[in-house]
């Protein structure tokens, strides 16, 4: 296993590869995001991690951006590439934004709230 030096990393993208997201092209989204990062020579700036289920299966494919805490729903390969370009230009992608973060997650209202945790 590789241990990456993340000292220059500005963003960490968590790309859901749970079963629902994979059915909605999670693998293709992962590859498109990683290809765009490589194409733009941004490997030191944007780190990616494949995850298992993030609990928003109805909103698949989910991509989460840190440190901003932004959750995106219905991400396609093209939207994933656009997300990378926006991050590199210092902009926030508004399309498909499911949650933003300000001390706790703020729903944007584009999807159901989901089941409350106990």
PDB file of N, CA and C in Angstrom:
ATOM      1  N   UNK A   1       0.831  -1.184   0.000  1.00  0.00           N
ATOM      2  CA  UNK A   1       0.000   0.000   0.000  1.00  0.00           C
ATOM      3  C   UNK A   1       0.875   1.247   0.000  1.00  0.00           C
ATOM      4  N   UNK A   2       0.378   2.256  -0.655  1.00  0.00           N
ATOM      5  CA  UNK A   2       1.092   3.521  -0.732  1.00  0.00           C
ATOM      6  C   UNK A   2       0.652   4.435   0.402  1.00  0.00           C
ATOM      7  N   UNK A   3       1.614   5.142   0.968  1.00  0.00           N
ATOM      8  CA  UNK A   3       1.308   6.183   1.943  1.00  0.00           C
ATOM      9  C   UNK A   3       1.651   7.506   1.289  1.00  0.00           C
ATOM     10  N   UNK A   4       0.624   8.285   0.934  1.00  0.00           N
ATOM     11  CA  UNK A   4       0.805   9.535   0.203  1.00  0.00           C
ATOM     12  C   UNK A   4       1.195  10.670   1.129  1.00  0.00           C
ATOM     13  N   UNK A   5       2.042  11.563   0.630  1.00  0.00           N
ATOM     14  CA  UNK A   5       2.335  12.820   1.315  1.00  0.00           C
ATOM     15  C   UNK A   5       1.229  13.788   0.912  1.00  0.00           C
ATOM     16  N   UNK A   6       0.380  14.154   1.842  1.00  0.00           N
ATOM     17  CA  UNK A   6      -0.773  15.002   1.552  1.00  0.00           C
ATOM     18  C   UNK A   6      -0.560  16.454   1.976  1.00  0.00           C
ATOM     19  N   UNK A   7       0.690  16.847   2.203  1.00  0.00           N
ATOM     20  CA  UNK A   7       0.963  18.184   2.744  1.00  0.00           C
ATOM     21  C   UNK A   7       0.545  19.322   1.817  1.00  0.00           C
ATOM     22  N   UNK A   8       0.413  19.077   0.511  1.00  0.00           N
ATOM     23  CA  UNK A   8      -0.017  20.129  -0.417  1.00  0.00           C
ATOM     24  C   UNK A   8      -1.481  19.976  -0.841  1.00  0.00           C
ATOM     25  N   UNK A   9      -2.168  19.012  -0.255  1.00  0.00           N
ATOM     26  CA  UNK A   9      -3.548  18.725  -0.642  1.00  0.00           C
ATOM     27  C   UNK A   9      -4.494  19.818  -0.166  1.00  0.00           C
ATOM     28  N   UNK A  10      -5.306  20.327  -1.107  1.00  0.00           N
ATOM     29  CA  UNK A  10      -6.313  21.348  -0.785  1.00  0.00           C
ATOM     30  C   UNK A  10      -7.697  20.746  -0.615  1.00  0.00           C
ATOM     31  N   UNK A  11      -7.967  19.685  -1.363  1.00  0.00           N
ATOM     32  CA  UNK A  11      -9.285  19.059  -1.307  1.00  0.00           C
ATOM     33  C   UNK A  11      -9.160  17.547  -1.248  1.00  0.00           C
ATOM     34  N   UNK A  12     -10.087  16.943  -0.532  1.00  0.00           N
ATOM     35  CA  UNK A  12     -10.186  15.490  -0.460  1.00  0.00           C
ATOM     36  C   UNK A  12     -11.582  15.123  -0.948  1.00  0.00           C
ATOM     37  N   UNK A  13     -11.660  14.346  -2.020  1.00  0.00           N
ATOM     38  CA  UNK A  13     -12.934  13.909  -2.577  1.00  0.00           C
ATOM     39  C   UNK A  13     -13.195  12.474  -2.158  1.00  0.00           C
ATOM     40  N   UNK A  14     -14.325  12.269  -1.502  1.00  0.00           N
ATOM     41  CA  UNK A  14     -14.768  10.937  -1.110  1.00  0.00           C
ATOM     42  C   UNK A  14     -15.819  10.514  -2.130  1.00  0.00           C
ATOM     43  N   UNK A  15     -15.531   9.487  -2.890  1.00  0.00           N
ATOM     44  CA  UNK A  15     -16.394   9.060  -3.988  1.00  0.00           C
ATOM     45  C   UNK A  15     -17.049   7.741  -3.601  1.00  0.00           C
ATOM     46  N   UNK A  16     -18.365   7.772  -3.475  1.00  0.00           N
ATOM     47  CA  UNK A  16     -19.085   6.581  -3.037  1.00  0.00           C
ATOM     48  C   UNK A  16     -19.001   5.486  -4.091  1.00  0.00           C
ATOM     49  N   UNK A  17     -18.592   4.314  -3.647  1.00  0.00           N
ATOM     50  CA  UNK A  17     -18.577   3.123  -4.479  1.00  0.00           C
ATOM     51  C   UNK A  17     -19.377   2.015  -3.803  1.00  0.00           C
ATOM     52  N   UNK A  18     -20.415   2.426  -3.039  1.00  0.00           N
ATOM     53  CA  UNK A  18     -21.359   1.460  -2.480  1.00  0.00           C
ATOM     54  C   UNK A  18     -22.203   0.881  -3.603  1.00  0.00           C
ATOM     55  N   UNK A  19     -23.009  -0.122  -3.299  1.00  0.00           N
ATOM     56  CA  UNK A  19     -23.731  -0.839  -4.358  1.00  0.00           C
ATOM     57  C   UNK A  19     -24.680   0.052  -5.150  1.00  0.00           C
ATOM     58  N   UNK A  20     -25.418   0.949  -4.500  1.00  0.00           N
ATOM     59  CA  UNK A  20     -26.338   1.830  -5.244  1.00  0.00           C
ATOM     60  C   UNK A  20     -25.574   2.799  -6.127  1.00  0.00           C
ATOM     61  N   UNK A  21     -24.483   3.334  -5.617  1.00  0.00           N
ATOM     62  CA  UNK A  21     -23.686   4.271  -6.421  1.00  0.00           C
ATOM     63  C   UNK A  21     -23.013   3.557  -7.587  1.00  0.00           C
ATOM     64  N   UNK A  22     -22.567   2.333  -7.366  1.00  0.00           N
ATOM     65  CA  UNK A  22     -21.960   1.583  -8.470  1.00  0.00           C
ATOM     66  C   UNK A  22     -22.983   1.300  -9.564  1.00  0.00           C
ATOM     67  N   UNK A  23     -24.231   1.055  -9.172  1.00  0.00           N
ATOM     68  CA  UNK A  23     -25.290   0.843 -10.168  1.00  0.00           C
ATOM     69  C   UNK A  23     -25.553   2.110 -10.972  1.00  0.00           C
ATOM     70  N   UNK A  24     -25.202   3.247 -10.388  1.00  0.00           N
ATOM     71  CA  UNK A  24     -25.383   4.530 -11.078  1.00  0.00           C
ATOM     72  C   UNK A  24     -24.033   5.094 -11.519  1.00  0.00           C
ATOM     73  N   UNK A  25     -23.165   4.216 -11.942  1.00  0.00           N
ATOM     74  CA  UNK A  25     -21.897   4.562 -12.598  1.00  0.00           C
ATOM     75  C   UNK A  25     -20.839   5.132 -11.655  1.00  0.00           C
ATOM     76  N   UNK A  26     -20.830   4.679 -10.402  1.00  0.00           N
ATOM     77  CA  UNK A  26     -19.830   5.132  -9.443  1.00  0.00           C
ATOM     78  C   UNK A  26     -18.399   4.862  -9.885  1.00  0.00           C
ATOM     79  N   UNK A  27     -18.178   3.720 -10.518  1.00  0.00           N
ATOM     80  CA  UNK A  27     -16.833   3.395 -11.021  1.00  0.00           C
ATOM     81  C   UNK A  27     -16.420   4.380 -12.106  1.00  0.00           C
ATOM     82  N   UNK A  28     -17.333   4.674 -13.020  1.00  0.00           N
ATOM     83  CA  UNK A  28     -17.041   5.617 -14.101  1.00  0.00           C
ATOM     84  C   UNK A  28     -16.824   7.024 -13.558  1.00  0.00           C
ATOM     85  N   UNK A  29     -17.585   7.402 -12.537  1.00  0.00           N
ATOM     86  CA  UNK A  29     -17.406   8.711 -11.893  1.00  0.00           C
ATOM     87  C   UNK A  29     -16.019   8.782 -11.263  1.00  0.00           C
ATOM     88  N   UNK A  30     -15.640   7.728 -10.542  1.00  0.00           N
ATOM     89  CA  UNK A  30     -14.317   7.676  -9.913  1.00  0.00           C
ATOM     90  C   UNK A  30     -13.217   7.845 -10.955  1.00  0.00           C
ATOM     91  N   UNK A  31     -13.299   7.091 -12.035  1.00  0.00           N
ATOM     92  CA  UNK A  31     -12.271   7.161 -13.079  1.00  0.00           C
ATOM     93  C   UNK A  31     -12.243   8.526 -13.753  1.00  0.00           C
ATOM     94  N   UNK A  32     -13.404   9.103 -14.029  1.00  0.00           N
ATOM     95  CA  UNK A  32     -13.460  10.419 -14.680  1.00  0.00           C
ATOM     96  C   UNK A  32     -12.837  11.494 -13.799  1.00  0.00           C
ATOM     97  N   UNK A  33     -13.143  11.468 -12.505  1.00  0.00           N
ATOM     98  CA  UNK A  33     -12.566  12.444 -11.576  1.00  0.00           C
ATOM     99  C   UNK A  33     -11.051  12.280 -11.530  1.00  0.00           C
ATOM    100  N   UNK A  34     -10.584  11.067 -11.389  1.00  0.00           N
ATOM    101  CA  UNK A  34      -9.141  10.826 -11.308  1.00  0.00           C
ATOM    102  C   UNK A  34      -8.428  11.186 -12.612  1.00  0.00           C
ATOM    103  N   UNK A  35      -9.064  10.906 -13.743  1.00  0.00           N
ATOM    104  CA  UNK A  35      -8.467  11.278 -15.034  1.00  0.00           C
ATOM    105  C   UNK A  35      -8.373  12.794 -15.180  1.00  0.00           C
ATOM    106  N   UNK A  36      -9.402  13.513 -14.745  1.00  0.00           N
ATOM    107  CA  UNK A  36      -9.388  14.981 -14.833  1.00  0.00           C
ATOM    108  C   UNK A  36      -8.309  15.566 -13.927  1.00  0.00           C
ATOM    109  N   UNK A  37      -8.149  14.996 -12.747  1.00  0.00           N
ATOM    110  CA  UNK A  37      -7.099  15.447 -11.830  1.00  0.00           C
ATOM    111  C   UNK A  37      -5.732  15.252 -12.477  1.00  0.00           C
ATOM    112  N   UNK A  38      -5.503  14.086 -13.062  1.00  0.00           N
ATOM    113  CA  UNK A  38      -4.231  13.802 -13.726  1.00  0.00           C
ATOM    114  C   UNK A  38      -4.027  14.716 -14.925  1.00  0.00           C
ATOM    115  N   UNK A  39      -5.061  14.879 -15.738  1.00  0.00           N
ATOM    116  CA  UNK A  39      -4.992  15.740 -16.925  1.00  0.00           C
ATOM    117  C   UNK A  39      -4.580  17.160 -16.547  1.00  0.00           C
ATOM    118  N   UNK A  40      -5.049  17.631 -15.422  1.00  0.00           N
ATOM    119  CA  UNK A  40      -4.771  19.003 -14.979  1.00  0.00           C
ATOM    120  C   UNK A  40      -3.546  19.079 -14.062  1.00  0.00           C
ATOM    121  N   UNK A  41      -2.850  17.959 -13.939  1.00  0.00           N
ATOM    122  CA  UNK A  41      -1.638  17.872 -13.109  1.00  0.00           C
ATOM    123  C   UNK A  41      -1.892  18.369 -11.690  1.00  0.00           C
ATOM    124  N   UNK A  42      -2.991  17.918 -11.136  1.00  0.00           N
ATOM    125  CA  UNK A  42      -3.423  18.382  -9.816  1.00  0.00           C
ATOM    126  C   UNK A  42      -3.378  17.277  -8.769  1.00  0.00           C
ATOM    127  N   UNK A  43      -2.576  16.245  -9.020  1.00  0.00           N
ATOM    128  CA  UNK A  43      -2.509  15.121  -8.088  1.00  0.00           C
ATOM    129  C   UNK A  43      -2.089  15.531  -6.682  1.00  0.00           C
ATOM    130  N   UNK A  44      -1.250  16.549  -6.572  1.00  0.00           N
ATOM    131  CA  UNK A  44      -0.826  17.015  -5.251  1.00  0.00           C
ATOM    132  C   UNK A  44      -1.905  17.848  -4.569  1.00  0.00           C
ATOM    133  N   UNK A  45      -2.818  18.416  -5.359  1.00  0.00           N
ATOM    134  CA  UNK A  45      -3.821  19.337  -4.817  1.00  0.00           C
ATOM    135  C   UNK A  45      -5.131  18.669  -4.433  1.00  0.00           C
ATOM    136  N   UNK A  46      -5.505  17.633  -5.164  1.00  0.00           N
ATOM    137  CA  UNK A  46      -6.782  16.956  -4.914  1.00  0.00           C
ATOM    138  C   UNK A  46      -6.523  15.471  -4.703  1.00  0.00           C
ATOM    139  N   UNK A  47      -6.907  14.983  -3.540  1.00  0.00           N
ATOM    140  CA  UNK A  47      -6.763  13.568  -3.195  1.00  0.00           C
ATOM    141  C   UNK A  47      -8.141  12.915  -3.279  1.00  0.00           C
ATOM    142  N   UNK A  48      -8.202  11.684  -3.761  1.00  0.00           N
ATOM    143  CA  UNK A  48      -9.475  10.970  -3.847  1.00  0.00           C
ATOM    144  C   UNK A  48      -9.433   9.684  -3.040  1.00  0.00           C
ATOM    145  N   UNK A  49     -10.594   9.328  -2.516  1.00  0.00           N
ATOM    146  CA  UNK A  49     -10.760   8.069  -1.804  1.00  0.00           C
ATOM    147  C   UNK A  49     -12.091   7.456  -2.214  1.00  0.00           C
ATOM    148  N   UNK A  50     -12.058   6.190  -2.588  1.00  0.00           N
ATOM    149  CA  UNK A  50     -13.304   5.447  -2.820  1.00  0.00           C
ATOM    150  C   UNK A  50     -13.844   5.056  -1.454  1.00  0.00           C
ATOM    151  N   UNK A  51     -15.140   5.211  -1.272  1.00  0.00           N
ATOM    152  CA  UNK A  51     -15.749   4.797  -0.011  1.00  0.00           C
ATOM    153  C   UNK A  51     -16.791   3.719  -0.277  1.00  0.00           C
ATOM    154  N   UNK A  52     -17.260   3.134   0.769  1.00  0.00           N
ATOM    155  CA  UNK A  52     -18.446   2.280   0.713  1.00  0.00           C
ATOM    156  C   UNK A  52     -19.647   3.199   0.871  1.00  0.00           C
ATOM    157  N   UNK A  53     -20.777   2.656   1.223  1.00  0.00           N
ATOM    158  CA  UNK A  53     -22.027   3.411   1.286  1.00  0.00           C
ATOM    159  C   UNK A  53     -21.937   4.595   2.253  1.00  0.00           C
ATOM    160  N   UNK A  54     -22.437   5.741   1.799  1.00  0.00           N
ATOM    161  CA  UNK A  54     -22.505   6.949   2.619  1.00  0.00           C
ATOM    162  C   UNK A  54     -23.927   7.239   3.095  1.00  0.00           C
ATOM    163  N   UNK A  55     -24.842   6.301   2.887  1.00  0.00           N
ATOM    164  CA  UNK A  55     -26.181   6.412   3.440  1.00  0.00           C
ATOM    165  C   UNK A  55     -27.142   7.314   2.683  1.00  0.00           C
ATOM    166  N   UNK A  56     -26.840   7.630   1.439  1.00  0.00           N
ATOM    167  CA  UNK A  56     -27.738   8.452   0.620  1.00  0.00           C
ATOM    168  C   UNK A  56     -27.999   7.739  -0.704  1.00  0.00           C
ATOM    169  N   UNK A  57     -28.394   6.479  -0.618  1.00  0.00           N
ATOM    170  CA  UNK A  57     -28.546   5.627  -1.805  1.00  0.00           C
ATOM    171  C   UNK A  57     -29.523   6.192  -2.826  1.00  0.00           C
ATOM    172  N   UNK A  58     -30.587   6.835  -2.375  1.00  0.00           N
ATOM    173  CA  UNK A  58     -31.563   7.409  -3.310  1.00  0.00           C
ATOM    174  C   UNK A  58     -30.962   8.551  -4.118  1.00  0.00           C
ATOM    175  N   UNK A  59     -29.836   9.090  -3.647  1.00  0.00           N
ATOM    176  CA  UNK A  59     -29.194  10.238  -4.298  1.00  0.00           C
ATOM    177  C   UNK A  59     -27.930   9.859  -5.059  1.00  0.00           C
ATOM    178  N   UNK A  60     -27.711   8.571  -5.281  1.00  0.00           N
ATOM    179  CA  UNK A  60     -26.488   8.090  -5.923  1.00  0.00           C
ATOM    180  C   UNK A  60     -26.294   8.759  -7.291  1.00  0.00           C
ATOM    181  N   UNK A  61     -25.100   8.934  -7.640  1.00  0.00           N
ATOM    182  CA  UNK A  61     -23.799   8.685  -7.052  1.00  0.00           C
ATOM    183  C   UNK A  61     -23.380   9.910  -6.213  1.00  0.00           C
ATOM    184  N   UNK A  62     -22.904   9.658  -5.020  1.00  0.00           N
ATOM    185  CA  UNK A  62     -22.530  10.696  -4.066  1.00  0.00           C
ATOM    186  C   UNK A  62     -21.027  10.971  -4.141  1.00  0.00           C
ATOM    187  N   UNK A  63     -20.673  12.269  -4.149  1.00  0.00           N
ATOM    188  CA  UNK A  63     -19.279  12.703  -4.018  1.00  0.00           C
ATOM    189  C   UNK A  63     -19.255  13.766  -2.927  1.00  0.00           C
ATOM    190  N   UNK A  64     -18.327  13.616  -1.985  1.00  0.00           N
ATOM    191  CA  UNK A  64     -18.205  14.527  -0.851  1.00  0.00           C
ATOM    192  C   UNK A  64     -16.874  15.256  -0.963  1.00  0.00           C
ATOM    193  N   UNK A  65     -16.902  16.577  -0.774  1.00  0.00           N
ATOM    194  CA  UNK A  65     -15.708  17.411  -0.902  1.00  0.00           C
ATOM    195  C   UNK A  65     -15.322  17.950   0.471  1.00  0.00           C
ATOM    196  N   UNK A  66     -14.097  17.655   0.882  1.00  0.00           N
ATOM    197  CA  UNK A  66     -13.549  18.212   2.113  1.00  0.00           C
ATOM    198  C   UNK A  66     -12.323  19.030   1.781  1.00  0.00           C
ATOM    199  N   UNK A  67     -12.031  20.096   2.542  1.00  0.00           N
ATOM    200  CA  UNK A  67     -12.553  20.374   3.873  1.00  0.00           C
ATOM    201  C   UNK A  67     -13.886  21.120   3.899  1.00  0.00           C
ATOM    202  N   UNK A  68     -14.455  21.455   2.756  1.00  0.00           N
ATOM    203  CA  UNK A  68     -15.676  22.251   2.718  1.00  0.00           C
ATOM    204  C   UNK A  68     -16.894  21.531   3.274  1.00  0.00           C
ATOM    205  N   UNK A  69     -16.904  20.205   3.241  1.00  0.00           N
ATOM    206  CA  UNK A  69     -18.050  19.443   3.723  1.00  0.00           C
ATOM    207  C   UNK A  69     -19.234  19.494   2.780  1.00  0.00           C
ATOM    208  N   UNK A  70     -18.975  19.569   1.482  1.00  0.00           N
ATOM    209  CA  UNK A  70     -20.036  19.642   0.478  1.00  0.00           C
ATOM    210  C   UNK A  70     -20.368  18.244  -0.034  1.00  0.00           C
ATOM    211  N   UNK A  71     -21.652  17.919  -0.061  1.00  0.00           N
ATOM    212  CA  UNK A  71     -22.121  16.626  -0.564  1.00  0.00           C
ATOM    213  C   UNK A  71     -22.853  16.867  -1.871  1.00  0.00           C
ATOM    214  N   UNK A  72     -22.475  16.125  -2.910  1.00  0.00           N
ATOM    215  CA  UNK A  72     -23.117  16.231  -4.213  1.00  0.00           C
ATOM    216  C   UNK A  72     -23.857  14.940  -4.528  1.00  0.00           C
ATOM    217  N   UNK A  73     -25.051  15.077  -5.102  1.00  0.00           N
ATOM    218  CA  UNK A  73     -25.871  13.922  -5.477  1.00  0.00           C
ATOM    219  C   UNK A  73     -25.929  13.774  -6.988  1.00  0.00           C
ATOM    220  N   UNK A  74     -26.252  12.572  -7.428  1.00  0.00           N
ATOM    221  CA  UNK A  74     -26.461  12.331  -8.853  1.00  0.00           C
ATOM    222  C   UNK A  74     -25.275  12.692  -9.718  1.00  0.00           C
ATOM    223  N   UNK A  75     -24.073  12.474  -9.181  1.00  0.00           N
ATOM    224  CA  UNK A  75     -22.869  12.855  -9.916  1.00  0.00           C
ATOM    225  C   UNK A  75     -22.650  11.879 -11.074  1.00  0.00           C
ATOM    226  N   UNK A  76     -22.437  12.439 -12.242  1.00  0.00           N
ATOM    227  CA  UNK A  76     -22.122  11.692 -13.461  1.00  0.00           C
ATOM    228  C   UNK A  76     -20.631  11.873 -13.746  1.00  0.00           C
ATOM    229  N   UNK A  77     -20.080  11.099 -14.664  1.00  0.00           N
ATOM    230  CA  UNK A  77     -18.676  11.329 -15.018  1.00  0.00           C
ATOM    231  C   UNK A  77     -18.410  12.774 -15.456  1.00  0.00           C
ATOM    232  N   UNK A  78     -19.281  13.349 -16.277  1.00  0.00           N
ATOM    233  CA  UNK A  78     -19.063  14.731 -16.738  1.00  0.00           C
ATOM    234  C   UNK A  78     -19.162  15.726 -15.584  1.00  0.00           C
ATOM    235  N   UNK A  79     -20.125  15.531 -14.692  1.00  0.00           N
ATOM    236  CA  UNK A  79     -20.242  16.432 -13.539  1.00  0.00           C
ATOM    237  C   UNK A  79     -19.022  16.289 -12.633  1.00  0.00           C
ATOM    238  N   UNK A  80     -18.493  15.072 -12.513  1.00  0.00           N
ATOM    239  CA  UNK A  80     -17.276  14.854 -11.730  1.00  0.00           C
ATOM    240  C   UNK A  80     -16.095  15.622 -12.302  1.00  0.00           C
ATOM    241  N   UNK A  81     -15.963  15.616 -13.631  1.00  0.00           N
ATOM    242  CA  UNK A  81     -14.878  16.377 -14.271  1.00  0.00           C
ATOM    243  C   UNK A  81     -15.071  17.882 -14.043  1.00  0.00           C
ATOM    244  N   UNK A  82     -16.313  18.333 -14.138  1.00  0.00           N
ATOM    245  CA  UNK A  82     -16.614  19.749 -13.892  1.00  0.00           C
ATOM    246  C   UNK A  82     -16.282  20.124 -12.455  1.00  0.00           C
ATOM    247  N   UNK A  83     -16.591  19.253 -11.516  1.00  0.00           N
ATOM    248  CA  UNK A  83     -16.281  19.500 -10.110  1.00  0.00           C
ATOM    249  C   UNK A  83     -14.786  19.726  -9.925  1.00  0.00           C
ATOM    250  N   UNK A  84     -13.968  18.894 -10.532  1.00  0.00           N
ATOM    251  CA  UNK A  84     -12.508  19.050 -10.432  1.00  0.00           C
ATOM    252  C   UNK A  84     -12.083  20.408 -10.976  1.00  0.00           C
ATOM    253  N   UNK A  85     -12.592  20.789 -12.134  1.00  0.00           N
ATOM    254  CA  UNK A  85     -12.228  22.086 -12.727  1.00  0.00           C
ATOM    255  C   UNK A  85     -12.646  23.244 -11.826  1.00  0.00           C
ATOM    256  N   UNK A  86     -13.833  23.151 -11.245  1.00  0.00           N
ATOM    257  CA  UNK A  86     -14.316  24.206 -10.342  1.00  0.00           C
ATOM    258  C   UNK A  86     -13.425  24.303  -9.104  1.00  0.00           C
ATOM    259  N   UNK A  87     -13.079  23.181  -8.517  1.00  0.00           N
ATOM    260  CA  UNK A  87     -12.220  23.195  -7.332  1.00  0.00           C
ATOM    261  C   UNK A  87     -10.875  23.841  -7.642  1.00  0.00           C
ATOM    262  N   UNK A  88     -10.316  23.522  -8.788  1.00  0.00           N
ATOM    263  CA  UNK A  88      -9.012  24.075  -9.152  1.00  0.00           C
ATOM    264  C   UNK A  88      -9.071  25.573  -9.428  1.00  0.00           C
ATOM    265  N   UNK A  89     -10.227  26.064  -9.837  1.00  0.00           N
ATOM    266  CA  UNK A  89     -10.364  27.506 -10.093  1.00  0.00           C
ATOM    267  C   UNK A  89     -10.870  28.254  -8.859  1.00  0.00           C
ATOM    268  N   UNK A  90     -11.032  27.534  -7.740  1.00  0.00           N
ATOM    269  CA  UNK A  90     -11.468  28.169  -6.505  1.00  0.00           C
ATOM    270  C   UNK A  90     -12.959  28.444  -6.436  1.00  0.00           C
ATOM    271  N   UNK A  91     -13.712  27.809  -7.319  1.00  0.00           N
ATOM    272  CA  UNK A  91     -15.159  28.002  -7.348  1.00  0.00           C
ATOM    273  C   UNK A  91     -15.872  26.817  -6.701  1.00  0.00           C
ATOM    274  N   UNK A  92     -17.130  27.051  -6.334  1.00  0.00           N
ATOM    275  CA  UNK A  92     -17.963  25.979  -5.801  1.00  0.00           C
ATOM    276  C   UNK A  92     -18.959  25.559  -6.868  1.00  0.00           C
ATOM    277  N   UNK A  93     -19.072  24.279  -7.093  1.00  0.00           N
ATOM    278  CA  UNK A  93     -20.068  23.750  -8.017  1.00  0.00           C
ATOM    279  C   UNK A  93     -21.430  23.842  -7.341  1.00  0.00           C
ATOM    280  N   UNK A  94     -22.375  24.509  -7.969  1.00  0.00           N
ATOM    281  CA  UNK A  94     -23.717  24.657  -7.402  1.00  0.00           C
ATOM    282  C   UNK A  94     -24.639  23.521  -7.824  1.00  0.00           C
ATOM    283  N   UNK A  95     -24.402  22.958  -9.014  1.00  0.00           N
ATOM    284  CA  UNK A  95     -25.254  21.878  -9.516  1.00  0.00           C
ATOM    285  C   UNK A  95     -25.189  20.664  -8.600  1.00  0.00           C
ATOM    286  N   UNK A  96     -26.343  20.087  -8.305  1.00  0.00           N
ATOM    287  CA  UNK A  96     -26.452  18.830  -7.575  1.00  0.00           C
ATOM    288  C   UNK A  96     -25.961  18.897  -6.131  1.00  0.00           C
ATOM    289  N   UNK A  97     -25.835  20.096  -5.562  1.00  0.00           N
ATOM    290  CA  UNK A  97     -25.383  20.227  -4.172  1.00  0.00           C
ATOM    291  C   UNK A  97     -26.479  19.729  -3.241  1.00  0.00           C
ATOM    292  N   UNK A  98     -26.173  18.711  -2.466  1.00  0.00           N
ATOM    293  CA  UNK A  98     -27.127  18.086  -1.561  1.00  0.00           C
ATOM    294  C   UNK A  98     -27.016  18.665  -0.156  1.00  0.00           C
ATOM    295  N   UNK A  99     -25.799  18.803   0.354  1.00  0.00           N
ATOM    296  CA  UNK A  99     -25.546  19.371   1.678  1.00  0.00           C
ATOM    297  C   UNK A  99     -24.360  20.318   1.602  1.00  0.00           C
ATOM    298  N   UNK A 100     -24.466  21.409   2.357  1.00  0.00           N
ATOM    299  CA  UNK A 100     -23.305  22.259   2.612  1.00  0.00           C
ATOM    300  C   UNK A 100     -23.022  22.144   4.107  1.00  0.00           C
ATOM    301  N   UNK A 101     -21.983  22.788   4.580  1.00  0.00           N
ATOM    302  CA  UNK A 101     -21.597  22.628   5.978  1.00  0.00           C
ATOM    303  C   UNK A 101     -21.297  23.975   6.615  1.00  0.00           C
ATOM    304  N   UNK A 102     -21.937  24.231   7.754  1.00  0.00           N
ATOM    305  CA  UNK A 102     -21.656  25.394   8.588  1.00  0.00           C
ATOM    306  C   UNK A 102     -21.932  24.977  10.022  1.00  0.00           C
ATOM    307  N   UNK A 103     -20.965  24.350  10.644  1.00  0.00           N
ATOM    308  CA  UNK A 103     -21.027  23.768  11.977  1.00  0.00           C
ATOM    309  C   UNK A 103     -21.879  22.508  12.041  1.00  0.00           C
ATOM    310  N   UNK A 104     -22.786  22.326  11.125  1.00  0.00           N
ATOM    311  CA  UNK A 104     -23.491  21.063  10.905  1.00  0.00           C
ATOM    312  C   UNK A 104     -23.977  21.089   9.464  1.00  0.00           C
ATOM    313  N   UNK A 105     -24.369  19.942   8.955  1.00  0.00           N
ATOM    314  CA  UNK A 105     -24.788  19.883   7.557  1.00  0.00           C
ATOM    315  C   UNK A 105     -26.103  20.618   7.361  1.00  0.00           C
ATOM    316  N   UNK A 106     -26.180  21.374   6.279  1.00  0.00           N
ATOM    317  CA  UNK A 106     -27.372  22.131   5.906  1.00  0.00           C
ATOM    318  C   UNK A 106     -27.939  21.514   4.634  1.00  0.00           C
ATOM    319  N   UNK A 107     -29.150  20.967   4.708  1.00  0.00           N
ATOM    320  CA  UNK A 107     -29.782  20.399   3.517  1.00  0.00           C
ATOM    321  C   UNK A 107     -30.119  21.519   2.544  1.00  0.00           C
ATOM    322  N   UNK A 108     -29.913  21.272   1.269  1.00  0.00           N
ATOM    323  CA  UNK A 108     -30.238  22.277   0.252  1.00  0.00           C
ATOM    324  C   UNK A 108     -31.672  22.162  -0.215  1.00  0.00           C
ATOM    325  N   UNK A 109     -32.331  21.042   0.117  1.00  0.00           N
ATOM    326  CA  UNK A 109     -33.723  20.867  -0.247  1.00  0.00           C
ATOM    327  C   UNK A 109     -33.959  20.224  -1.594  1.00  0.00           C
ATOM    328  N   UNK A 110     -32.898  19.764  -2.270  1.00  0.00           N
ATOM    329  CA  UNK A 110     -33.107  19.161  -3.589  1.00  0.00           C
ATOM    330  C   UNK A 110     -33.436  17.676  -3.501  1.00  0.00           C
ATOM    331  N   UNK A 111     -33.408  17.119  -2.291  1.00  0.00           N
ATOM    332  CA  UNK A 111     -33.744  15.714  -2.107  1.00  0.00           C
ATOM    333  C   UNK A 111     -34.461  15.563  -0.775  1.00  0.00           C
ATOM    334  N   UNK A 112     -35.019  14.381  -0.530  1.00  0.00           N
ATOM    335  CA  UNK A 112     -35.702  14.145   0.741  1.00  0.00           C
ATOM    336  C   UNK A 112     -34.704  14.217   1.886  1.00  0.00           C
ATOM    337  N   UNK A 113     -35.197  14.571   3.050  1.00  0.00           N
ATOM    338  CA  UNK A 113     -34.338  14.698   4.226  1.00  0.00           C
ATOM    339  C   UNK A 113     -33.790  13.352   4.664  1.00  0.00           C
ATOM    340  N   UNK A 114     -34.525  12.290   4.426  1.00  0.00           N
ATOM    341  CA  UNK A 114     -34.080  10.974   4.849  1.00  0.00           C
ATOM    342  C   UNK A 114     -34.610  10.628   6.225  1.00  0.00           C
ATOM    343  N   UNK A 115     -34.250   9.467   6.721  1.00  0.00           N
ATOM    344  CA  UNK A 115     -34.704   8.968   8.010  1.00  0.00           C
ATOM    345  C   UNK A 115     -33.891   9.601   9.120  1.00  0.00           C
ATOM    346  N   UNK A 116     -34.570  10.059  10.161  1.00  0.00           N
ATOM    347  CA  UNK A 116     -33.892  10.664  11.310  1.00  0.00           C
ATOM    348  C   UNK A 116     -33.132   9.604  12.095  1.00  0.00           C
ATOM    349  N   UNK A 117     -31.937   9.953  12.565  1.00  0.00           N
ATOM    350  CA  UNK A 117     -31.175   9.065  13.438  1.00  0.00           C
ATOM    351  C   UNK A 117     -31.670   9.245  14.867  1.00  0.00           C
ATOM    352  N   UNK A 118     -31.615   8.163  15.661  1.00  0.00           N
ATOM    353  CA  UNK A 118     -32.058   8.224  17.060  1.00  0.00           C
ATOM    354  C   UNK A 118     -31.039   8.894  17.932  1.00  0.00           C
TER     355      UNK A 118
END
